[in-house]
Amino acid sequence: MRYIEVKFSVSPFQPWADLLSAELGEIGFESFVEEGNHLLAYVEEDFFNEESIKAVDTLNNESVQVSFEFKYLEQKNWNKEWESNFEPVYVDDEVCVRATFHKPEPKYKYEIVIDPKMSFGTGHHATTHLILSAMRSIDFKDKSVLDMGSGTGVLAIFAAIKGANPIFAIDIDEWCSVNAQENAERNNVSQIQISQGGKEKISGLKVDILLANINRNILLDQMAAYSEAILPNGVLHISGFYKTDVDVLVAEAKLNGLEYVAQNAIGDWTTVNFYKK
């Protein structure tokens, strides 16, 4: 496969570079590297579309200046390149997220083994880290769970390890769905039902716990579907957005019968949880 490197100049760099990465991930970009005040983003040639890049929200926001240039890269073993830079993730001294090529770390209470293949959800991003941290204190035993925007499946796998059953994992990206299935098998959890699609896949599902690590606009669009899927006394944990987005998300959740409980943050990235009576 042939890759294209797109070099973005972003000013101010943060928090806009993180937001831009999330948006680019939705249009096919697979990996990102920060280099000074530049963000290097990589995408397969078949998925490269200059007009789609120009249409992402960050490039059209007056609060940030963004320009980009791109070049075609020589063919190489990108999985090997990625593996050389991937390190295990540790969450609150209890959870270890590692790849198959890392040594086991039995001192951690929970160990999740994934090969992301550049899918979102390795635990490195603050939003994934936040939800994994919140999940430590949730009683998942025999609870039904939906992981919306599941990426690598890491949240669904953690729920399974903690005793949830059944579990539904949905992602709009086919590559993520395949990768999540592979990772579920690596962790010997068979109770995860993985499917590809958007909010239409939520219809008819009823769950005790819903996890959604997506972006603000998708969360707003799908909030009604989340509320419909959550059983009475169920909970919703969302992430993938900034502190400045909390008020509008809380307001939308309230309109759909969900009560605000608490929030947590790493830098500007935030997670919020809700309760349904």
C-alpha atoms as a PDB file:
ATOM      1  CA  MET A   1       0.000   0.000   0.000  1.00  0.00           C
ATOM      2  CA  ARG A   2       1.171   3.559  -0.676  1.00  0.00           C
ATOM      3  CA  TYR A   3       0.779   6.279   1.926  1.00  0.00           C
ATOM      4  CA  ILE A   4       0.484  10.038   1.782  1.00  0.00           C
ATOM      5  CA  GLU A   5       1.917  12.294   4.487  1.00  0.00           C
ATOM      6  CA  VAL A   6      -0.030  15.488   5.109  1.00  0.00           C
ATOM      7  CA  LYS A   7       1.836  18.134   7.095  1.00  0.00           C
ATOM      8  CA  PHE A   8      -0.415  20.565   8.967  1.00  0.00           C
ATOM      9  CA  SER A   9       0.809  23.871  10.389  1.00  0.00           C
ATOM     10  CA  VAL A  10      -1.481  24.671  13.331  1.00  0.00           C
ATOM     11  CA  SER A  11      -1.511  27.886  15.380  1.00  0.00           C
ATOM     12  CA  PRO A  12      -2.212  27.807  18.261  1.00  0.00           C
ATOM     13  CA  PHE A  13      -1.115  24.182  18.267  1.00  0.00           C
ATOM     14  CA  GLN A  14      -3.135  22.955  21.239  1.00  0.00           C
ATOM     15  CA  PRO A  15      -5.868  22.051  21.775  1.00  0.00           C
ATOM     16  CA  TRP A  16      -6.498  22.311  18.032  1.00  0.00           C
ATOM     17  CA  ALA A  17      -4.012  19.646  16.937  1.00  0.00           C
ATOM     18  CA  ASP A  18      -5.766  17.031  19.074  1.00  0.00           C
ATOM     19  CA  LEU A  19      -9.162  18.012  17.710  1.00  0.00           C
ATOM     20  CA  LEU A  20      -7.836  17.968  14.144  1.00  0.00           C
ATOM     21  CA  SER A  21      -6.441  14.461  14.690  1.00  0.00           C
ATOM     22  CA  ALA A  22      -9.855  13.211  15.809  1.00  0.00           C
ATOM     23  CA  GLU A  23     -11.546  14.765  12.779  1.00  0.00           C
ATOM     24  CA  LEU A  24      -8.980  13.377  10.347  1.00  0.00           C
ATOM     25  CA  GLY A  25      -9.429   9.928  11.852  1.00  0.00           C
ATOM     26  CA  GLU A  26     -13.051  10.055  10.733  1.00  0.00           C
ATOM     27  CA  ILE A  27     -12.059  10.540   7.083  1.00  0.00           C
ATOM     28  CA  GLY A  28      -9.533   7.738   6.823  1.00  0.00           C
ATOM     29  CA  PHE A  29      -6.296   8.969   8.411  1.00  0.00           C
ATOM     30  CA  GLU A  30      -4.590   6.231  10.392  1.00  0.00           C
ATOM     31  CA  SER A  31      -1.733   7.708  12.405  1.00  0.00           C
ATOM     32  CA  PHE A  32      -0.375  11.026  13.618  1.00  0.00           C
ATOM     33  CA  VAL A  33       2.953  12.453  14.756  1.00  0.00           C
ATOM     34  CA  GLU A  34       3.499  15.810  16.472  1.00  0.00           C
ATOM     35  CA  GLU A  35       6.608  17.620  15.260  1.00  0.00           C
ATOM     36  CA  GLY A  36       7.027  21.039  16.872  1.00  0.00           C
ATOM     37  CA  ASN A  37       3.981  23.064  15.869  1.00  0.00           C
ATOM     38  CA  HIS A  38       3.258  20.694  13.000  1.00  0.00           C
ATOM     39  CA  LEU A  39       0.965  17.694  12.886  1.00  0.00           C
ATOM     40  CA  LEU A  40       1.996  14.937  10.476  1.00  0.00           C
ATOM     41  CA  ALA A  41      -0.956  12.800   9.408  1.00  0.00           C
ATOM     42  CA  TYR A  42      -0.810   9.614   7.344  1.00  0.00           C
ATOM     43  CA  VAL A  43      -3.448   8.118   5.069  1.00  0.00           C
ATOM     44  CA  GLU A  44      -3.547   5.429   2.401  1.00  0.00           C
ATOM     45  CA  GLU A  45      -3.535   6.833  -1.108  1.00  0.00           C
ATOM     46  CA  ASP A  46      -6.983   5.353  -1.853  1.00  0.00           C
ATOM     47  CA  PHE A  47      -8.527   7.307   1.046  1.00  0.00           C
ATOM     48  CA  PHE A  48      -6.847  10.638   0.373  1.00  0.00           C
ATOM     49  CA  ASN A  49      -9.247  13.433  -0.596  1.00  0.00           C
ATOM     50  CA  GLU A  50      -8.006  17.012  -0.481  1.00  0.00           C
ATOM     51  CA  GLU A  51     -11.523  18.466  -0.502  1.00  0.00           C
ATOM     52  CA  SER A  52     -12.544  16.332   2.488  1.00  0.00           C
ATOM     53  CA  ILE A  53      -9.571  17.701   4.421  1.00  0.00           C
ATOM     54  CA  LYS A  54     -10.559  21.278   3.611  1.00  0.00           C
ATOM     55  CA  ALA A  55     -14.084  20.563   4.877  1.00  0.00           C
ATOM     56  CA  VAL A  56     -13.176  19.460   8.428  1.00  0.00           C
ATOM     57  CA  ASP A  57     -14.396  21.813  11.151  1.00  0.00           C
ATOM     58  CA  THR A  58     -10.985  22.835  12.486  1.00  0.00           C
ATOM     59  CA  LEU A  59      -9.850  24.149   9.103  1.00  0.00           C
ATOM     60  CA  ASN A  60     -12.937  26.347   8.997  1.00  0.00           C
ATOM     61  CA  ASN A  61     -12.737  27.699  12.539  1.00  0.00           C
ATOM     62  CA  GLU A  62     -11.747  31.364  12.870  1.00  0.00           C
ATOM     63  CA  SER A  63     -10.049  30.684  16.221  1.00  0.00           C
ATOM     64  CA  VAL A  64      -7.206  28.717  14.651  1.00  0.00           C
ATOM     65  CA  GLN A  65      -4.921  29.079  11.637  1.00  0.00           C
ATOM     66  CA  VAL A  66      -4.277  25.883   9.705  1.00  0.00           C
ATOM     67  CA  SER A  67      -2.460  25.226   6.456  1.00  0.00           C
ATOM     68  CA  PHE A  68      -1.277  21.960   4.973  1.00  0.00           C
ATOM     69  CA  GLU A  69       0.869  20.372   2.309  1.00  0.00           C
ATOM     70  CA  PHE A  70       1.233  16.745   1.311  1.00  0.00           C
ATOM     71  CA  LYS A  71       3.615  14.317  -0.318  1.00  0.00           C
ATOM     72  CA  TYR A  72       3.625  10.696  -1.441  1.00  0.00           C
ATOM     73  CA  LEU A  73       5.814   8.382   0.609  1.00  0.00           C
ATOM     74  CA  GLU A  74       7.932   5.476  -0.515  1.00  0.00           C
ATOM     75  CA  GLN A  75       6.386   2.112   0.188  1.00  0.00           C
ATOM     76  CA  LYS A  76       7.514   0.460   3.413  1.00  0.00           C
ATOM     77  CA  ASN A  77       6.294  -1.863   6.140  1.00  0.00           C
ATOM     78  CA  TRP A  78       4.102   0.610   8.021  1.00  0.00           C
ATOM     79  CA  ASN A  79       2.958  -1.926  10.628  1.00  0.00           C
ATOM     80  CA  LYS A  80       6.592  -2.519  11.579  1.00  0.00           C
ATOM     81  CA  GLU A  81       7.156   1.248  11.671  1.00  0.00           C
ATOM     82  CA  TRP A  82       4.147   1.677  13.961  1.00  0.00           C
ATOM     83  CA  GLU A  83       5.178  -1.176  16.273  1.00  0.00           C
ATOM     84  CA  SER A  84       8.560   0.453  16.896  1.00  0.00           C
ATOM     85  CA  ASN A  85       6.803   3.516  18.377  1.00  0.00           C
ATOM     86  CA  PHE A  86       3.935   1.893  20.322  1.00  0.00           C
ATOM     87  CA  GLU A  87       4.350   1.705  24.093  1.00  0.00           C
ATOM     88  CA  PRO A  88       2.042   0.111  26.709  1.00  0.00           C
ATOM     89  CA  VAL A  89      -0.540   2.342  28.392  1.00  0.00           C
ATOM     90  CA  TYR A  90      -1.074   2.323  32.149  1.00  0.00           C
ATOM     91  CA  VAL A  91      -4.270   3.601  33.768  1.00  0.00           C
ATOM     92  CA  ASP A  92      -4.362   4.412  37.496  1.00  0.00           C
ATOM     93  CA  ASP A  93      -1.911   1.634  38.407  1.00  0.00           C
ATOM     94  CA  GLU A  94      -4.624  -0.963  37.729  1.00  0.00           C
ATOM     95  CA  VAL A  95      -5.028  -1.267  33.975  1.00  0.00           C
ATOM     96  CA  CYS A  96      -2.381  -2.099  31.399  1.00  0.00           C
ATOM     97  CA  VAL A  97      -3.137  -1.847  27.680  1.00  0.00           C
ATOM     98  CA  ARG A  98      -0.380  -3.485  25.663  1.00  0.00           C
ATOM     99  CA  ALA A  99       0.254  -5.035  22.272  1.00  0.00           C
ATOM    100  CA  THR A 100       1.040  -8.670  21.572  1.00  0.00           C
ATOM    101  CA  PHE A 101       4.711  -7.853  21.041  1.00  0.00           C
ATOM    102  CA  HIS A 102       5.041  -6.451  24.595  1.00  0.00           C
ATOM    103  CA  LYS A 103       5.881  -8.628  27.577  1.00  0.00           C
ATOM    104  CA  PRO A 104       2.978  -9.583  29.899  1.00  0.00           C
ATOM    105  CA  GLU A 105       2.651  -7.401  33.015  1.00  0.00           C
ATOM    106  CA  PRO A 106       0.903  -9.601  35.612  1.00  0.00           C
ATOM    107  CA  LYS A 107       1.275  -7.013  38.396  1.00  0.00           C
ATOM    108  CA  TYR A 108      -1.660  -5.106  36.899  1.00  0.00           C
ATOM    109  CA  LYS A 109      -5.148  -6.142  37.976  1.00  0.00           C
ATOM    110  CA  TYR A 110      -6.455  -5.780  34.437  1.00  0.00           C
ATOM    111  CA  GLU A 111      -4.443  -6.432  31.297  1.00  0.00           C
ATOM    112  CA  ILE A 112      -5.870  -5.746  27.843  1.00  0.00           C
ATOM    113  CA  VAL A 113      -3.950  -7.020  24.810  1.00  0.00           C
ATOM    114  CA  ILE A 114      -4.586  -5.292  21.491  1.00  0.00           C
ATOM    115  CA  ASP A 115      -2.946  -4.833  18.108  1.00  0.00           C
ATOM    116  CA  PRO A 116      -4.562  -1.560  17.036  1.00  0.00           C
ATOM    117  CA  LYS A 117      -3.313  -1.550  13.437  1.00  0.00           C
ATOM    118  CA  MET A 118      -3.683   2.226  13.709  1.00  0.00           C
ATOM    119  CA  SER A 119      -7.381   2.090  14.716  1.00  0.00           C
ATOM    120  CA  PHE A 120      -8.470   4.672  17.288  1.00  0.00           C
ATOM    121  CA  GLY A 121      -8.602   3.544  20.896  1.00  0.00           C
ATOM    122  CA  THR A 122      -5.199   2.385  22.047  1.00  0.00           C
ATOM    123  CA  GLY A 123      -5.533   4.129  25.401  1.00  0.00           C
ATOM    124  CA  HIS A 124      -2.872   6.681  24.513  1.00  0.00           C
ATOM    125  CA  HIS A 125      -5.419   9.369  23.751  1.00  0.00           C
ATOM    126  CA  ALA A 126      -6.701  11.234  26.821  1.00  0.00           C
ATOM    127  CA  THR A 127     -10.343  10.452  26.013  1.00  0.00           C
ATOM    128  CA  THR A 128      -9.801   6.668  25.971  1.00  0.00           C
ATOM    129  CA  HIS A 129      -7.695   6.950  29.130  1.00  0.00           C
ATOM    130  CA  LEU A 130     -10.491   8.897  30.859  1.00  0.00           C
ATOM    131  CA  ILE A 131     -13.172   6.318  30.124  1.00  0.00           C
ATOM    132  CA  LEU A 132     -10.931   3.387  31.058  1.00  0.00           C
ATOM    133  CA  SER A 133     -10.283   5.133  34.364  1.00  0.00           C
ATOM    134  CA  ALA A 134     -14.004   5.676  34.977  1.00  0.00           C
ATOM    135  CA  MET A 135     -14.756   2.050  34.107  1.00  0.00           C
ATOM    136  CA  ARG A 136     -12.582   0.786  36.953  1.00  0.00           C
ATOM    137  CA  SER A 137     -15.245   1.736  39.516  1.00  0.00           C
ATOM    138  CA  ILE A 138     -18.300   0.537  37.540  1.00  0.00           C
ATOM    139  CA  ASP A 139     -19.968  -2.767  38.418  1.00  0.00           C
ATOM    140  CA  PHE A 140     -20.168  -4.532  35.049  1.00  0.00           C
ATOM    141  CA  LYS A 141     -21.081  -7.974  36.382  1.00  0.00           C
ATOM    142  CA  ASP A 142     -23.862  -9.393  34.163  1.00  0.00           C
ATOM    143  CA  LYS A 143     -24.669  -5.908  32.825  1.00  0.00           C
ATOM    144  CA  SER A 144     -25.476  -5.264  29.179  1.00  0.00           C
ATOM    145  CA  VAL A 145     -23.171  -2.763  27.468  1.00  0.00           C
ATOM    146  CA  LEU A 146     -22.958  -0.807  24.224  1.00  0.00           C
ATOM    147  CA  ASP A 147     -19.584   0.558  23.114  1.00  0.00           C
ATOM    148  CA  MET A 148     -20.447   3.129  20.447  1.00  0.00           C
ATOM    149  CA  GLY A 149     -17.584   4.170  18.172  1.00  0.00           C
ATOM    150  CA  SER A 150     -15.660   1.175  19.449  1.00  0.00           C
ATOM    151  CA  GLY A 151     -12.423   1.576  17.452  1.00  0.00           C
ATOM    152  CA  THR A 152     -10.027  -1.148  18.592  1.00  0.00           C
ATOM    153  CA  GLY A 153     -12.704  -2.518  20.945  1.00  0.00           C
ATOM    154  CA  VAL A 154     -10.638  -1.724  24.020  1.00  0.00           C
ATOM    155  CA  LEU A 155     -13.606  -0.416  26.058  1.00  0.00           C
ATOM    156  CA  ALA A 156     -15.817  -3.356  25.118  1.00  0.00           C
ATOM    157  CA  ILE A 157     -13.002  -5.757  25.989  1.00  0.00           C
ATOM    158  CA  PHE A 158     -12.468  -4.118  29.382  1.00  0.00           C
ATOM    159  CA  ALA A 159     -16.206  -4.366  30.081  1.00  0.00           C
ATOM    160  CA  ALA A 160     -16.079  -8.058  29.164  1.00  0.00           C
ATOM    161  CA  ILE A 161     -13.089  -8.672  31.420  1.00  0.00           C
ATOM    162  CA  LYS A 162     -15.100  -7.080  34.239  1.00  0.00           C
ATOM    163  CA  GLY A 163     -18.015  -9.453  33.667  1.00  0.00           C
ATOM    164  CA  ALA A 164     -20.405  -7.620  31.352  1.00  0.00           C
ATOM    165  CA  ASN A 165     -22.682  -9.732  29.154  1.00  0.00           C
ATOM    166  CA  PRO A 166     -23.929  -9.180  26.494  1.00  0.00           C
ATOM    167  CA  ILE A 167     -21.795  -6.449  24.925  1.00  0.00           C
ATOM    168  CA  PHE A 168     -22.434  -4.663  21.639  1.00  0.00           C
ATOM    169  CA  ALA A 169     -19.586  -2.849  19.853  1.00  0.00           C
ATOM    170  CA  ILE A 170     -20.416  -0.579  16.908  1.00  0.00           C
ATOM    171  CA  ASP A 171     -18.098   1.435  14.673  1.00  0.00           C
ATOM    172  CA  ILE A 172     -18.783   3.052  11.320  1.00  0.00           C
ATOM    173  CA  ASP A 173     -15.361   2.029   9.998  1.00  0.00           C
ATOM    174  CA  GLU A 174     -15.021  -1.483   8.563  1.00  0.00           C
ATOM    175  CA  TRP A 175     -11.321  -1.652   9.457  1.00  0.00           C
ATOM    176  CA  CYS A 176     -12.135  -0.893  13.103  1.00  0.00           C
ATOM    177  CA  SER A 177     -14.832  -3.562  13.214  1.00  0.00           C
ATOM    178  CA  VAL A 178     -12.434  -6.196  11.889  1.00  0.00           C
ATOM    179  CA  ASN A 179      -9.697  -5.059  14.265  1.00  0.00           C
ATOM    180  CA  ALA A 180     -12.079  -5.099  17.267  1.00  0.00           C
ATOM    181  CA  GLN A 181     -13.051  -8.691  16.451  1.00  0.00           C
ATOM    182  CA  GLU A 182      -9.395  -9.704  16.304  1.00  0.00           C
ATOM    183  CA  ASN A 183      -8.691  -7.999  19.624  1.00  0.00           C
ATOM    184  CA  ALA A 184     -11.706  -9.618  21.308  1.00  0.00           C
ATOM    185  CA  GLU A 185     -10.345 -13.009  20.287  1.00  0.00           C
ATOM    186  CA  ARG A 186      -6.901 -12.086  21.639  1.00  0.00           C
ATOM    187  CA  ASN A 187      -8.448 -11.423  25.035  1.00  0.00           C
ATOM    188  CA  ASN A 188     -10.608 -14.565  25.012  1.00  0.00           C
ATOM    189  CA  VAL A 189     -13.878 -12.657  25.385  1.00  0.00           C
ATOM    190  CA  SER A 190     -16.681 -14.131  23.306  1.00  0.00           C
ATOM    191  CA  GLN A 191     -19.626 -12.095  24.599  1.00  0.00           C
ATOM    192  CA  ILE A 192     -18.931  -9.066  22.368  1.00  0.00           C
ATOM    193  CA  GLN A 193     -21.168  -8.690  19.317  1.00  0.00           C
ATOM    194  CA  ILE A 194     -19.317  -6.444  16.843  1.00  0.00           C
ATOM    195  CA  SER A 195     -20.982  -4.689  13.939  1.00  0.00           C
ATOM    196  CA  GLN A 196     -20.207  -1.971  11.422  1.00  0.00           C
ATOM    197  CA  GLY A 197     -22.499   1.043  11.107  1.00  0.00           C
ATOM    198  CA  GLY A 198     -23.792   4.245  12.666  1.00  0.00           C
ATOM    199  CA  LYS A 199     -26.659   5.172  14.957  1.00  0.00           C
ATOM    200  CA  GLU A 200     -29.092   3.056  12.926  1.00  0.00           C
ATOM    201  CA  LYS A 201     -27.424   0.024  14.540  1.00  0.00           C
ATOM    202  CA  ILE A 202     -28.554   1.214  17.985  1.00  0.00           C
ATOM    203  CA  SER A 203     -32.230   0.763  17.149  1.00  0.00           C
ATOM    204  CA  GLY A 204     -33.774  -2.033  19.180  1.00  0.00           C
ATOM    205  CA  LEU A 205     -30.845  -2.385  21.599  1.00  0.00           C
ATOM    206  CA  LYS A 206     -31.459  -2.097  25.346  1.00  0.00           C
ATOM    207  CA  VAL A 207     -28.436  -1.820  27.646  1.00  0.00           C
ATOM    208  CA  ASP A 208     -27.526  -0.987  31.229  1.00  0.00           C
ATOM    209  CA  ILE A 209     -24.336   0.893  30.327  1.00  0.00           C
ATOM    210  CA  LEU A 210     -23.532   2.877  27.196  1.00  0.00           C
ATOM    211  CA  LEU A 211     -20.001   4.064  26.405  1.00  0.00           C
ATOM    212  CA  ALA A 212     -19.385   6.558  23.600  1.00  0.00           C
ATOM    213  CA  ASN A 213     -15.949   7.987  22.864  1.00  0.00           C
ATOM    214  CA  ILE A 214     -16.673  10.010  19.738  1.00  0.00           C
ATOM    215  CA  ASN A 215     -16.697  13.729  18.917  1.00  0.00           C
ATOM    216  CA  ARG A 216     -19.061  16.465  20.052  1.00  0.00           C
ATOM    217  CA  ASN A 217     -21.170  16.701  16.904  1.00  0.00           C
ATOM    218  CA  ILE A 218     -21.781  12.968  16.651  1.00  0.00           C
ATOM    219  CA  LEU A 219     -22.614  12.778  20.361  1.00  0.00           C
ATOM    220  CA  LEU A 220     -25.186  15.546  19.952  1.00  0.00           C
ATOM    221  CA  ASP A 221     -26.662  13.858  16.898  1.00  0.00           C
ATOM    222  CA  GLN A 222     -26.892  10.460  18.577  1.00  0.00           C
ATOM    223  CA  MET A 223     -27.949  11.491  22.110  1.00  0.00           C
ATOM    224  CA  ALA A 224     -31.629  10.676  21.569  1.00  0.00           C
ATOM    225  CA  ALA A 225     -30.700   7.209  20.317  1.00  0.00           C
ATOM    226  CA  TYR A 226     -28.475   6.672  23.357  1.00  0.00           C
ATOM    227  CA  SER A 227     -31.268   7.602  25.747  1.00  0.00           C
ATOM    228  CA  GLU A 228     -33.686   5.295  23.958  1.00  0.00           C
ATOM    229  CA  ALA A 229     -31.238   2.402  24.280  1.00  0.00           C
ATOM    230  CA  ILE A 230     -30.391   2.875  27.966  1.00  0.00           C
ATOM    231  CA  LEU A 231     -32.568   0.942  30.411  1.00  0.00           C
ATOM    232  CA  PRO A 232     -34.036   2.594  33.541  1.00  0.00           C
ATOM    233  CA  ASN A 233     -31.305   3.083  36.177  1.00  0.00           C
ATOM    234  CA  GLY A 234     -28.731   2.778  33.411  1.00  0.00           C
ATOM    235  CA  VAL A 235     -25.717   5.030  32.823  1.00  0.00           C
ATOM    236  CA  LEU A 236     -24.036   6.841  29.945  1.00  0.00           C
ATOM    237  CA  HIS A 237     -20.332   7.707  29.809  1.00  0.00           C
ATOM    238  CA  ILE A 238     -19.229   9.977  26.966  1.00  0.00           C
ATOM    239  CA  SER A 239     -15.876  11.429  25.931  1.00  0.00           C
ATOM    240  CA  GLY A 240     -14.124  12.769  22.850  1.00  0.00           C
ATOM    241  CA  PHE A 241     -14.707  16.482  23.434  1.00  0.00           C
ATOM    242  CA  TYR A 242     -13.404  19.554  25.271  1.00  0.00           C
ATOM    243  CA  LYS A 243     -14.451  21.242  28.509  1.00  0.00           C
ATOM    244  CA  THR A 244     -16.020  24.007  26.435  1.00  0.00           C
ATOM    245  CA  ASP A 245     -18.409  21.429  24.926  1.00  0.00           C
ATOM    246  CA  VAL A 246     -19.741  20.149  28.253  1.00  0.00           C
ATOM    247  CA  ASP A 247     -22.638  22.610  28.678  1.00  0.00           C
ATOM    248  CA  VAL A 248     -24.181  21.924  25.277  1.00  0.00           C
ATOM    249  CA  LEU A 249     -23.819  18.151  25.723  1.00  0.00           C
ATOM    250  CA  VAL A 250     -25.346  18.257  29.204  1.00  0.00           C
ATOM    251  CA  ALA A 251     -28.253  20.330  27.871  1.00  0.00           C
ATOM    252  CA  GLU A 252     -28.884  17.847  25.044  1.00  0.00           C
ATOM    253  CA  ALA A 253     -28.691  14.913  27.449  1.00  0.00           C
ATOM    254  CA  LYS A 254     -31.202  16.583  29.771  1.00  0.00           C
ATOM    255  CA  LEU A 255     -33.624  17.092  26.874  1.00  0.00           C
ATOM    256  CA  ASN A 256     -33.454  13.338  26.349  1.00  0.00           C
ATOM    257  CA  GLY A 257     -34.105  12.304  29.947  1.00  0.00           C
ATOM    258  CA  LEU A 258     -30.523  11.856  31.103  1.00  0.00           C
ATOM    259  CA  GLU A 259     -29.320  13.400  34.353  1.00  0.00           C
ATOM    260  CA  TYR A 260     -25.822  14.817  34.748  1.00  0.00           C
ATOM    261  CA  VAL A 261     -23.744  13.025  37.409  1.00  0.00           C
ATOM    262  CA  ALA A 262     -20.088  14.045  37.153  1.00  0.00           C
ATOM    263  CA  GLN A 263     -17.201  14.909  34.851  1.00  0.00           C
ATOM    264  CA  ASN A 264     -13.450  14.479  34.732  1.00  0.00           C
ATOM    265  CA  ALA A 265     -10.716  15.878  32.516  1.00  0.00           C
ATOM    266  CA  ILE A 266      -7.139  15.486  31.326  1.00  0.00           C
ATOM    267  CA  GLY A 267      -6.080  18.885  30.102  1.00  0.00           C
ATOM    268  CA  ASP A 268      -8.987  20.149  28.014  1.00  0.00           C
ATOM    269  CA  TRP A 269     -10.235  16.681  27.071  1.00  0.00           C
ATOM    270  CA  THR A 270     -13.264  15.721  29.149  1.00  0.00           C
ATOM    271  CA  THR A 271     -15.537  12.816  30.034  1.00  0.00           C
ATOM    272  CA  VAL A 272     -19.045  13.163  31.476  1.00  0.00           C
ATOM    273  CA  ASN A 273     -21.340  10.528  32.903  1.00  0.00           C
ATOM    274  CA  PHE A 274     -25.127  10.565  33.111  1.00  0.00           C
ATOM    275  CA  TYR A 275     -27.898   8.584  34.815  1.00  0.00           C
ATOM    276  CA  LYS A 276     -31.284   7.539  33.465  1.00  0.00           C
ATOM    277  CA  LYS A 277     -34.161   7.138  35.916  1.00  0.00           C
END
